[in-house]
């Protein structure tokens, strides 16, 4: 072979090899990027159910209901049934023992102000220390004001009184090693003289003693945006309620993953929110039994990648 032709062929061969090498490296990098992305994705683990979702079953047979939730795969429950020293008619220590035997724990429990019944003990306005003691005995980490009645929220001054009560009770809770939270519905996004009540609560409560349990369904129902609140008040939302909204005009409750709320996007922003743990909740049902519904939500979340 002539030297000139050999050199030309060699140059072409080297060029082809270089192109092949670059293409191979690009393919490897693409595969690595895909692998890295897959590794980076995760699914929620160790999450619970707010027992309001199965309130009728809990009233009828707490043990069987809790056992069913454990078998579904829930590891945590949030009580909605504390009253005057008892959780679903069970003493705090016995309730904790029962949960442990089923592989469950209770990190959070709902409470009320007691404004609707000032004589009832074990509320934020009457014998609050009893609530704190019982919460500790039951093994929980937090107590959440789950609802305020319409007569407690007619004006912004009413909301300011709620903020004052949260600060007072929250400081006492901190002395017990507990945290006090506030759970929203949609009405907190009403405005009074141009100010959103929810914003006032966030700005008027002490982050050292009061956190917010964000219910994403009610945020959306109230015309607000969870991610915007994460950005505006980072770290204030360590506990969530996760439920979905159907695509109808009624905006009815539905199982997580079956509705219009983008939970993948919400969970991607969990660090900004300050998320520590969360609870599935569904307030009401259509054409599905409660236990079947909460199982469907559980299974979706376990398989969700974000």
C-alpha atoms as a PDB file:
ATOM      1  CA  UNK A   1       0.000   0.000   0.000  1.00  0.00           C
ATOM      2  CA  UNK A   2       1.279   3.454  -0.845  1.00  0.00           C
ATOM      3  CA  UNK A   3       2.305   5.601   2.083  1.00  0.00           C
ATOM      4  CA  UNK A   4      -0.130   8.436   1.223  1.00  0.00           C
ATOM      5  CA  UNK A   5      -3.089   6.034   0.957  1.00  0.00           C
ATOM      6  CA  UNK A   6      -2.069   4.270   4.155  1.00  0.00           C
ATOM      7  CA  UNK A   7      -1.894   7.576   6.026  1.00  0.00           C
ATOM      8  CA  UNK A   8      -5.299   8.589   4.689  1.00  0.00           C
ATOM      9  CA  UNK A   9      -6.867   5.289   5.714  1.00  0.00           C
ATOM     10  CA  UNK A  10      -5.223   5.492   9.120  1.00  0.00           C
ATOM     11  CA  UNK A  11      -6.598   8.989   9.632  1.00  0.00           C
ATOM     12  CA  UNK A  12     -10.087   7.824   8.692  1.00  0.00           C
ATOM     13  CA  UNK A  13      -9.794   4.831  11.012  1.00  0.00           C
ATOM     14  CA  UNK A  14      -8.616   6.961  13.894  1.00  0.00           C
ATOM     15  CA  UNK A  15     -11.450   9.406  13.275  1.00  0.00           C
ATOM     16  CA  UNK A  16     -13.970   6.603  13.258  1.00  0.00           C
ATOM     17  CA  UNK A  17     -12.526   5.224  16.464  1.00  0.00           C
ATOM     18  CA  UNK A  18     -12.693   8.668  18.085  1.00  0.00           C
ATOM     19  CA  UNK A  19     -16.316   9.074  17.014  1.00  0.00           C
ATOM     20  CA  UNK A  20     -17.114   5.628  18.361  1.00  0.00           C
ATOM     21  CA  UNK A  21     -15.305   6.457  21.606  1.00  0.00           C
ATOM     22  CA  UNK A  22     -17.244   9.728  22.025  1.00  0.00           C
ATOM     23  CA  UNK A  23     -20.523   8.004  21.259  1.00  0.00           C
ATOM     24  CA  UNK A  24     -19.744   5.240  23.738  1.00  0.00           C
ATOM     25  CA  UNK A  25     -18.777   7.743  26.425  1.00  0.00           C
ATOM     26  CA  UNK A  26     -22.001   9.681  25.786  1.00  0.00           C
ATOM     27  CA  UNK A  27     -24.027   6.475  26.045  1.00  0.00           C
ATOM     28  CA  UNK A  28     -22.276   5.534  29.276  1.00  0.00           C
ATOM     29  CA  UNK A  29     -22.818   9.035  30.682  1.00  0.00           C
ATOM     30  CA  UNK A  30     -26.494   8.949  29.691  1.00  0.00           C
ATOM     31  CA  UNK A  31     -26.902   5.573  31.352  1.00  0.00           C
ATOM     32  CA  UNK A  32     -25.059   6.813  34.447  1.00  0.00           C
ATOM     33  CA  UNK A  33     -27.242   9.920  34.612  1.00  0.00           C
ATOM     34  CA  UNK A  34     -30.333   7.733  34.331  1.00  0.00           C
ATOM     35  CA  UNK A  35     -29.019   5.435  37.060  1.00  0.00           C
ATOM     36  CA  UNK A  36     -28.139   8.380  39.302  1.00  0.00           C
ATOM     37  CA  UNK A  37     -31.608   9.857  38.785  1.00  0.00           C
ATOM     38  CA  UNK A  38     -33.206   6.539  39.655  1.00  0.00           C
ATOM     39  CA  UNK A  39     -31.059   6.215  42.761  1.00  0.00           C
ATOM     40  CA  UNK A  40     -31.950   9.757  43.808  1.00  0.00           C
ATOM     41  CA  UNK A  41     -35.674   9.052  43.680  1.00  0.00           C
ATOM     42  CA  UNK A  42     -37.373   7.835  46.834  1.00  0.00           C
ATOM     43  CA  UNK A  43     -40.758   6.819  48.178  1.00  0.00           C
ATOM     44  CA  UNK A  44     -42.423   7.865  51.441  1.00  0.00           C
ATOM     45  CA  UNK A  45     -41.845   5.495  54.349  1.00  0.00           C
ATOM     46  CA  UNK A  46     -43.005   5.207  57.950  1.00  0.00           C
ATOM     47  CA  UNK A  47     -46.145   7.305  57.559  1.00  0.00           C
ATOM     48  CA  UNK A  48     -49.449   7.211  59.363  1.00  0.00           C
ATOM     49  CA  UNK A  49     -53.188   7.638  59.234  1.00  0.00           C
ATOM     50  CA  UNK A  50     -55.313  10.255  60.961  1.00  0.00           C
ATOM     51  CA  UNK A  51     -57.943   8.136  62.717  1.00  0.00           C
ATOM     52  CA  UNK A  52     -60.723  10.573  61.854  1.00  0.00           C
ATOM     53  CA  UNK A  53     -60.628   8.721  58.523  1.00  0.00           C
ATOM     54  CA  UNK A  54     -61.963   5.572  60.243  1.00  0.00           C
ATOM     55  CA  UNK A  55     -63.831   7.188  63.138  1.00  0.00           C
ATOM     56  CA  UNK A  56     -66.916   4.957  62.926  1.00  0.00           C
ATOM     57  CA  UNK A  57     -64.820   1.793  62.950  1.00  0.00           C
ATOM     58  CA  UNK A  58     -62.735   3.111  65.857  1.00  0.00           C
ATOM     59  CA  UNK A  59     -65.914   3.811  67.831  1.00  0.00           C
ATOM     60  CA  UNK A  60     -67.174   0.291  67.178  1.00  0.00           C
ATOM     61  CA  UNK A  61     -63.979  -1.757  67.613  1.00  0.00           C
ATOM     62  CA  UNK A  62     -60.672   0.092  68.161  1.00  0.00           C
ATOM     63  CA  UNK A  63     -58.535  -3.050  68.413  1.00  0.00           C
ATOM     64  CA  UNK A  64     -59.790  -4.617  65.178  1.00  0.00           C
ATOM     65  CA  UNK A  65     -59.500  -1.310  63.337  1.00  0.00           C
ATOM     66  CA  UNK A  66     -55.941  -0.637  64.471  1.00  0.00           C
ATOM     67  CA  UNK A  67     -54.982  -4.204  63.588  1.00  0.00           C
ATOM     68  CA  UNK A  68     -56.386  -3.717  60.087  1.00  0.00           C
ATOM     69  CA  UNK A  69     -54.390  -0.497  59.655  1.00  0.00           C
ATOM     70  CA  UNK A  70     -51.213  -2.250  60.742  1.00  0.00           C
ATOM     71  CA  UNK A  71     -51.851  -5.045  58.254  1.00  0.00           C
ATOM     72  CA  UNK A  72     -52.320  -2.476  55.474  1.00  0.00           C
ATOM     73  CA  UNK A  73     -48.835  -1.203  56.296  1.00  0.00           C
ATOM     74  CA  UNK A  74     -49.388   1.947  58.324  1.00  0.00           C
ATOM     75  CA  UNK A  75     -46.794   2.414  61.058  1.00  0.00           C
ATOM     76  CA  UNK A  76     -48.121   5.539  62.761  1.00  0.00           C
ATOM     77  CA  UNK A  77     -51.521   6.859  63.788  1.00  0.00           C
ATOM     78  CA  UNK A  78     -52.763  10.293  64.769  1.00  0.00           C
ATOM     79  CA  UNK A  79     -55.547  10.271  67.327  1.00  0.00           C
ATOM     80  CA  UNK A  80     -58.777  12.186  66.858  1.00  0.00           C
ATOM     81  CA  UNK A  81     -60.409  10.505  69.833  1.00  0.00           C
ATOM     82  CA  UNK A  82     -58.884  11.952  73.001  1.00  0.00           C
ATOM     83  CA  UNK A  83     -61.406  12.968  75.646  1.00  0.00           C
ATOM     84  CA  UNK A  84     -60.926  13.654  79.360  1.00  0.00           C
ATOM     85  CA  UNK A  85     -57.968  11.364  79.882  1.00  0.00           C
ATOM     86  CA  UNK A  86     -58.798   8.582  77.421  1.00  0.00           C
ATOM     87  CA  UNK A  87     -57.968   7.676  73.831  1.00  0.00           C
ATOM     88  CA  UNK A  88     -60.995   5.928  72.385  1.00  0.00           C
ATOM     89  CA  UNK A  89     -62.026   4.991  75.951  1.00  0.00           C
ATOM     90  CA  UNK A  90     -58.576   3.524  76.630  1.00  0.00           C
ATOM     91  CA  UNK A  91     -56.113   4.894  79.207  1.00  0.00           C
ATOM     92  CA  UNK A  92     -52.978   6.515  77.700  1.00  0.00           C
ATOM     93  CA  UNK A  93     -50.442   3.908  78.885  1.00  0.00           C
ATOM     94  CA  UNK A  94     -52.686   1.025  77.815  1.00  0.00           C
ATOM     95  CA  UNK A  95     -53.272   2.694  74.454  1.00  0.00           C
ATOM     96  CA  UNK A  96     -49.514   2.982  73.909  1.00  0.00           C
ATOM     97  CA  UNK A  97     -49.034  -0.684  74.840  1.00  0.00           C
ATOM     98  CA  UNK A  98     -51.822  -1.704  72.479  1.00  0.00           C
ATOM     99  CA  UNK A  99     -50.253   0.219  69.621  1.00  0.00           C
ATOM    100  CA  UNK A 100     -46.810  -1.233  70.252  1.00  0.00           C
ATOM    101  CA  UNK A 101     -48.218  -4.767  70.226  1.00  0.00           C
ATOM    102  CA  UNK A 102     -49.583  -4.059  66.745  1.00  0.00           C
ATOM    103  CA  UNK A 103     -46.366  -2.527  65.448  1.00  0.00           C
ATOM    104  CA  UNK A 104     -47.813   0.975  65.594  1.00  0.00           C
ATOM    105  CA  UNK A 105     -46.933   4.238  67.303  1.00  0.00           C
ATOM    106  CA  UNK A 106     -48.699   7.528  67.885  1.00  0.00           C
ATOM    107  CA  UNK A 107     -46.541  10.547  67.171  1.00  0.00           C
ATOM    108  CA  UNK A 108     -49.406  13.051  67.165  1.00  0.00           C
ATOM    109  CA  UNK A 109     -52.845  13.614  68.670  1.00  0.00           C
ATOM    110  CA  UNK A 110     -55.524  16.188  67.977  1.00  0.00           C
ATOM    111  CA  UNK A 111     -57.038  18.416  70.615  1.00  0.00           C
ATOM    112  CA  UNK A 112     -59.532  21.302  70.785  1.00  0.00           C
ATOM    113  CA  UNK A 113     -59.722  24.704  72.411  1.00  0.00           C
ATOM    114  CA  UNK A 114     -62.689  23.724  74.564  1.00  0.00           C
ATOM    115  CA  UNK A 115     -64.479  26.975  73.739  1.00  0.00           C
ATOM    116  CA  UNK A 116     -67.632  25.074  72.817  1.00  0.00           C
ATOM    117  CA  UNK A 117     -67.724  23.340  76.223  1.00  0.00           C
ATOM    118  CA  UNK A 118     -65.735  25.245  78.882  1.00  0.00           C
ATOM    119  CA  UNK A 119     -66.688  22.728  81.588  1.00  0.00           C
ATOM    120  CA  UNK A 120     -65.078  19.819  79.748  1.00  0.00           C
ATOM    121  CA  UNK A 121     -61.671  19.008  81.179  1.00  0.00           C
ATOM    122  CA  UNK A 122     -58.676  18.154  79.076  1.00  0.00           C
ATOM    123  CA  UNK A 123     -58.795  21.015  76.570  1.00  0.00           C
ATOM    124  CA  UNK A 124     -56.628  24.041  75.821  1.00  0.00           C
ATOM    125  CA  UNK A 125     -58.721  26.261  78.103  1.00  0.00           C
ATOM    126  CA  UNK A 126     -59.438  23.765  80.883  1.00  0.00           C
ATOM    127  CA  UNK A 127     -56.857  21.486  82.512  1.00  0.00           C
ATOM    128  CA  UNK A 128     -54.337  21.702  79.678  1.00  0.00           C
ATOM    129  CA  UNK A 129     -51.668  20.095  81.853  1.00  0.00           C
ATOM    130  CA  UNK A 130     -53.749  16.930  81.935  1.00  0.00           C
ATOM    131  CA  UNK A 131     -53.618  16.819  78.141  1.00  0.00           C
ATOM    132  CA  UNK A 132     -49.856  17.264  78.233  1.00  0.00           C
ATOM    133  CA  UNK A 133     -49.372  14.501  80.794  1.00  0.00           C
ATOM    134  CA  UNK A 134     -51.639  12.100  78.913  1.00  0.00           C
ATOM    135  CA  UNK A 135     -49.896  12.871  75.620  1.00  0.00           C
ATOM    136  CA  UNK A 136     -46.518  12.055  77.176  1.00  0.00           C
ATOM    137  CA  UNK A 137     -47.847   8.816  78.653  1.00  0.00           C
ATOM    138  CA  UNK A 138     -49.235   7.778  75.282  1.00  0.00           C
ATOM    139  CA  UNK A 139     -45.804   8.284  73.733  1.00  0.00           C
ATOM    140  CA  UNK A 140     -46.711  11.100  71.341  1.00  0.00           C
ATOM    141  CA  UNK A 141     -44.409  13.930  70.302  1.00  0.00           C
ATOM    142  CA  UNK A 142     -46.963  16.543  69.352  1.00  0.00           C
ATOM    143  CA  UNK A 143     -50.492  17.804  69.942  1.00  0.00           C
ATOM    144  CA  UNK A 144     -52.437  19.569  67.213  1.00  0.00           C
ATOM    145  CA  UNK A 145     -55.385  21.938  67.440  1.00  0.00           C
ATOM    146  CA  UNK A 146     -57.475  20.205  64.827  1.00  0.00           C
ATOM    147  CA  UNK A 147     -60.424  22.551  64.342  1.00  0.00           C
ATOM    148  CA  UNK A 148     -61.889  25.843  65.510  1.00  0.00           C
ATOM    149  CA  UNK A 149     -65.640  26.399  65.516  1.00  0.00           C
ATOM    150  CA  UNK A 150     -67.293  29.071  63.402  1.00  0.00           C
ATOM    151  CA  UNK A 151     -68.018  31.261  66.448  1.00  0.00           C
ATOM    152  CA  UNK A 152     -64.265  31.251  67.221  1.00  0.00           C
ATOM    153  CA  UNK A 153     -63.309  32.758  63.844  1.00  0.00           C
ATOM    154  CA  UNK A 154     -65.742  35.479  62.867  1.00  0.00           C
ATOM    155  CA  UNK A 155     -63.181  38.303  62.908  1.00  0.00           C
ATOM    156  CA  UNK A 156     -59.434  38.785  62.701  1.00  0.00           C
ATOM    157  CA  UNK A 157     -59.489  39.606  66.417  1.00  0.00           C
ATOM    158  CA  UNK A 158     -60.907  36.115  66.984  1.00  0.00           C
ATOM    159  CA  UNK A 159     -57.963  34.643  65.089  1.00  0.00           C
ATOM    160  CA  UNK A 160     -55.570  36.787  67.133  1.00  0.00           C
ATOM    161  CA  UNK A 161     -57.030  35.243  70.281  1.00  0.00           C
ATOM    162  CA  UNK A 162     -56.393  31.803  68.783  1.00  0.00           C
ATOM    163  CA  UNK A 163     -52.778  32.823  68.121  1.00  0.00           C
ATOM    164  CA  UNK A 164     -52.408  33.979  71.727  1.00  0.00           C
ATOM    165  CA  UNK A 165     -53.845  30.694  72.996  1.00  0.00           C
ATOM    166  CA  UNK A 166     -51.494  28.731  70.728  1.00  0.00           C
ATOM    167  CA  UNK A 167     -48.479  30.635  72.041  1.00  0.00           C
ATOM    168  CA  UNK A 168     -49.506  30.153  75.664  1.00  0.00           C
ATOM    169  CA  UNK A 169     -50.295  26.453  75.351  1.00  0.00           C
ATOM    170  CA  UNK A 170     -47.349  25.895  73.028  1.00  0.00           C
ATOM    171  CA  UNK A 171     -44.899  27.267  75.571  1.00  0.00           C
ATOM    172  CA  UNK A 172     -46.357  24.948  78.204  1.00  0.00           C
ATOM    173  CA  UNK A 173     -46.133  22.022  75.781  1.00  0.00           C
ATOM    174  CA  UNK A 174     -42.466  22.755  75.145  1.00  0.00           C
ATOM    175  CA  UNK A 175     -41.803  22.511  78.879  1.00  0.00           C
ATOM    176  CA  UNK A 176     -43.090  18.919  78.647  1.00  0.00           C
ATOM    177  CA  UNK A 177     -40.883  18.155  75.641  1.00  0.00           C
ATOM    178  CA  UNK A 178     -43.863  18.356  73.299  1.00  0.00           C
ATOM    179  CA  UNK A 179     -44.766  20.551  70.337  1.00  0.00           C
ATOM    180  CA  UNK A 180     -48.132  22.166  69.670  1.00  0.00           C
ATOM    181  CA  UNK A 181     -49.430  22.470  66.128  1.00  0.00           C
ATOM    182  CA  UNK A 182     -52.315  24.006  64.227  1.00  0.00           C
ATOM    183  CA  UNK A 183     -54.240  22.115  61.536  1.00  0.00           C
ATOM    184  CA  UNK A 184     -55.866  24.175  58.787  1.00  0.00           C
ATOM    185  CA  UNK A 185     -59.094  23.849  56.857  1.00  0.00           C
ATOM    186  CA  UNK A 186     -60.136  26.178  54.019  1.00  0.00           C
ATOM    187  CA  UNK A 187     -61.655  28.954  56.122  1.00  0.00           C
ATOM    188  CA  UNK A 188     -58.236  30.155  57.366  1.00  0.00           C
ATOM    189  CA  UNK A 189     -57.613  31.506  53.873  1.00  0.00           C
ATOM    190  CA  UNK A 190     -60.415  34.050  54.258  1.00  0.00           C
ATOM    191  CA  UNK A 191     -59.260  37.663  54.297  1.00  0.00           C
ATOM    192  CA  UNK A 192     -60.019  40.326  56.894  1.00  0.00           C
ATOM    193  CA  UNK A 193     -59.164  43.865  55.748  1.00  0.00           C
ATOM    194  CA  UNK A 194     -56.944  42.377  53.077  1.00  0.00           C
ATOM    195  CA  UNK A 195     -55.022  40.064  55.424  1.00  0.00           C
ATOM    196  CA  UNK A 196     -55.245  36.277  55.157  1.00  0.00           C
ATOM    197  CA  UNK A 197     -56.068  34.747  58.537  1.00  0.00           C
ATOM    198  CA  UNK A 198     -53.644  31.845  58.001  1.00  0.00           C
ATOM    199  CA  UNK A 199     -50.784  34.265  57.352  1.00  0.00           C
ATOM    200  CA  UNK A 200     -51.611  36.137  60.532  1.00  0.00           C
ATOM    201  CA  UNK A 201     -51.508  32.888  62.533  1.00  0.00           C
ATOM    202  CA  UNK A 202     -48.124  32.002  61.053  1.00  0.00           C
ATOM    203  CA  UNK A 203     -46.719  35.438  61.754  1.00  0.00           C
ATOM    204  CA  UNK A 204     -48.189  35.802  65.254  1.00  0.00           C
ATOM    205  CA  UNK A 205     -47.121  32.453  66.691  1.00  0.00           C
ATOM    206  CA  UNK A 206     -43.692  31.595  68.060  1.00  0.00           C
ATOM    207  CA  UNK A 207     -41.913  29.024  65.828  1.00  0.00           C
ATOM    208  CA  UNK A 208     -40.126  27.693  68.908  1.00  0.00           C
ATOM    209  CA  UNK A 209     -43.422  26.522  70.386  1.00  0.00           C
ATOM    210  CA  UNK A 210     -45.986  26.351  67.567  1.00  0.00           C
ATOM    211  CA  UNK A 211     -45.819  24.494  64.262  1.00  0.00           C
ATOM    212  CA  UNK A 212     -48.377  24.045  61.470  1.00  0.00           C
ATOM    213  CA  UNK A 213     -49.834  20.768  60.284  1.00  0.00           C
ATOM    214  CA  UNK A 214     -50.593  21.555  56.665  1.00  0.00           C
ATOM    215  CA  UNK A 215     -53.618  19.860  55.144  1.00  0.00           C
ATOM    216  CA  UNK A 216     -52.929  20.101  51.410  1.00  0.00           C
ATOM    217  CA  UNK A 217     -56.494  19.357  50.362  1.00  0.00           C
ATOM    218  CA  UNK A 218     -57.864  22.256  52.399  1.00  0.00           C
ATOM    219  CA  UNK A 219     -55.092  24.567  51.206  1.00  0.00           C
ATOM    220  CA  UNK A 220     -56.161  23.941  47.621  1.00  0.00           C
ATOM    221  CA  UNK A 221     -59.859  24.146  48.534  1.00  0.00           C
ATOM    222  CA  UNK A 222     -59.140  27.534  50.094  1.00  0.00           C
ATOM    223  CA  UNK A 223     -57.610  28.765  46.834  1.00  0.00           C
ATOM    224  CA  UNK A 224     -54.035  28.792  48.139  1.00  0.00           C
ATOM    225  CA  UNK A 225     -50.799  27.053  47.122  1.00  0.00           C
ATOM    226  CA  UNK A 226     -48.838  24.736  49.417  1.00  0.00           C
ATOM    227  CA  UNK A 227     -45.526  25.391  47.666  1.00  0.00           C
ATOM    228  CA  UNK A 228     -45.937  29.151  47.956  1.00  0.00           C
ATOM    229  CA  UNK A 229     -46.401  28.763  51.707  1.00  0.00           C
ATOM    230  CA  UNK A 230     -43.300  26.562  51.961  1.00  0.00           C
ATOM    231  CA  UNK A 231     -41.332  29.328  50.271  1.00  0.00           C
ATOM    232  CA  UNK A 232     -42.837  32.158  52.313  1.00  0.00           C
ATOM    233  CA  UNK A 233     -42.634  30.374  55.688  1.00  0.00           C
ATOM    234  CA  UNK A 234     -39.864  27.761  55.344  1.00  0.00           C
ATOM    235  CA  UNK A 235     -39.643  25.125  58.032  1.00  0.00           C
ATOM    236  CA  UNK A 236     -43.030  25.887  59.607  1.00  0.00           C
ATOM    237  CA  UNK A 237     -44.807  22.775  58.256  1.00  0.00           C
ATOM    238  CA  UNK A 238     -43.148  19.678  59.796  1.00  0.00           C
ATOM    239  CA  UNK A 239     -46.376  17.652  59.786  1.00  0.00           C
ATOM    240  CA  UNK A 240     -48.810  17.211  56.873  1.00  0.00           C
ATOM    241  CA  UNK A 241     -52.219  15.795  56.148  1.00  0.00           C
ATOM    242  CA  UNK A 242     -52.207  14.110  52.768  1.00  0.00           C
ATOM    243  CA  UNK A 243     -55.536  13.658  51.015  1.00  0.00           C
ATOM    244  CA  UNK A 244     -56.666  14.219  47.441  1.00  0.00           C
ATOM    245  CA  UNK A 245     -59.360  16.175  45.617  1.00  0.00           C
ATOM    246  CA  UNK A 246     -61.436  14.794  42.771  1.00  0.00           C
ATOM    247  CA  UNK A 247     -61.768  16.596  39.438  1.00  0.00           C
ATOM    248  CA  UNK A 248     -65.465  17.426  39.855  1.00  0.00           C
ATOM    249  CA  UNK A 249     -67.026  20.814  40.475  1.00  0.00           C
ATOM    250  CA  UNK A 250     -67.772  19.614  44.012  1.00  0.00           C
ATOM    251  CA  UNK A 251     -64.045  19.077  44.683  1.00  0.00           C
ATOM    252  CA  UNK A 252     -64.882  16.068  46.832  1.00  0.00           C
ATOM    253  CA  UNK A 253     -62.362  14.009  48.782  1.00  0.00           C
ATOM    254  CA  UNK A 254     -60.698  11.108  47.013  1.00  0.00           C
ATOM    255  CA  UNK A 255     -57.859   8.672  47.532  1.00  0.00           C
ATOM    256  CA  UNK A 256     -54.312   9.967  47.223  1.00  0.00           C
ATOM    257  CA  UNK A 257     -53.124   9.598  43.640  1.00  0.00           C
ATOM    258  CA  UNK A 258     -56.672   9.587  42.262  1.00  0.00           C
ATOM    259  CA  UNK A 259     -57.209  13.333  42.233  1.00  0.00           C
ATOM    260  CA  UNK A 260     -55.824  16.641  41.035  1.00  0.00           C
ATOM    261  CA  UNK A 261     -53.261  17.420  43.744  1.00  0.00           C
ATOM    262  CA  UNK A 262     -49.670  16.943  42.529  1.00  0.00           C
ATOM    263  CA  UNK A 263     -48.122  15.173  45.506  1.00  0.00           C
ATOM    264  CA  UNK A 264     -44.929  14.319  43.629  1.00  0.00           C
ATOM    265  CA  UNK A 265     -44.206  18.036  43.333  1.00  0.00           C
ATOM    266  CA  UNK A 266     -45.229  18.678  46.944  1.00  0.00           C
ATOM    267  CA  UNK A 267     -42.961  15.954  48.305  1.00  0.00           C
ATOM    268  CA  UNK A 268     -40.063  17.231  46.197  1.00  0.00           C
ATOM    269  CA  UNK A 269     -40.245  20.352  48.366  1.00  0.00           C
ATOM    270  CA  UNK A 270     -40.398  18.531  51.708  1.00  0.00           C
ATOM    271  CA  UNK A 271     -37.098  19.976  52.946  1.00  0.00           C
ATOM    272  CA  UNK A 272     -38.244  23.552  52.460  1.00  0.00           C
ATOM    273  CA  UNK A 273     -41.445  22.723  54.339  1.00  0.00           C
ATOM    274  CA  UNK A 274     -39.464  21.111  57.156  1.00  0.00           C
ATOM    275  CA  UNK A 275     -41.396  17.827  56.861  1.00  0.00           C
ATOM    276  CA  UNK A 276     -40.816  15.298  59.658  1.00  0.00           C
ATOM    277  CA  UNK A 277     -43.837  13.024  59.327  1.00  0.00           C
ATOM    278  CA  UNK A 278     -47.262  12.969  57.705  1.00  0.00           C
ATOM    279  CA  UNK A 279     -50.688  11.379  57.882  1.00  0.00           C
ATOM    280  CA  UNK A 280     -53.094  10.194  55.239  1.00  0.00           C
ATOM    281  CA  UNK A 281     -56.589  11.472  55.947  1.00  0.00           C
ATOM    282  CA  UNK A 282     -59.925  11.279  54.193  1.00  0.00           C
ATOM    283  CA  UNK A 283     -62.924  13.043  55.679  1.00  0.00           C
ATOM    284  CA  UNK A 284     -65.719  11.380  53.712  1.00  0.00           C
ATOM    285  CA  UNK A 285     -66.240   8.714  51.069  1.00  0.00           C
ATOM    286  CA  UNK A 286     -68.206   7.888  47.936  1.00  0.00           C
ATOM    287  CA  UNK A 287     -68.677   4.339  46.675  1.00  0.00           C
ATOM    288  CA  UNK A 288     -65.823   2.913  48.729  1.00  0.00           C
ATOM    289  CA  UNK A 289     -65.442   1.645  52.277  1.00  0.00           C
ATOM    290  CA  UNK A 290     -63.098   3.650  54.558  1.00  0.00           C
ATOM    291  CA  UNK A 291     -60.573   0.850  55.115  1.00  0.00           C
ATOM    292  CA  UNK A 292     -60.430   0.097  51.387  1.00  0.00           C
ATOM    293  CA  UNK A 293     -59.948   3.800  50.708  1.00  0.00           C
ATOM    294  CA  UNK A 294     -57.091   4.308  53.155  1.00  0.00           C
ATOM    295  CA  UNK A 295     -55.424   1.155  51.822  1.00  0.00           C
ATOM    296  CA  UNK A 296     -55.557   2.565  48.292  1.00  0.00           C
ATOM    297  CA  UNK A 297     -53.974   5.826  49.468  1.00  0.00           C
ATOM    298  CA  UNK A 298     -51.315   3.931  51.400  1.00  0.00           C
ATOM    299  CA  UNK A 299     -50.369   1.767  48.423  1.00  0.00           C
ATOM    300  CA  UNK A 300     -50.132   4.739  46.075  1.00  0.00           C
ATOM    301  CA  UNK A 301     -47.800   6.605  48.438  1.00  0.00           C
ATOM    302  CA  UNK A 302     -45.586   3.573  48.999  1.00  0.00           C
ATOM    303  CA  UNK A 303     -45.093   3.303  45.248  1.00  0.00           C
ATOM    304  CA  UNK A 304     -44.812   7.029  44.521  1.00  0.00           C
ATOM    305  CA  UNK A 305     -41.347   8.211  43.433  1.00  0.00           C
ATOM    306  CA  UNK A 306     -40.127  11.749  43.882  1.00  0.00           C
END
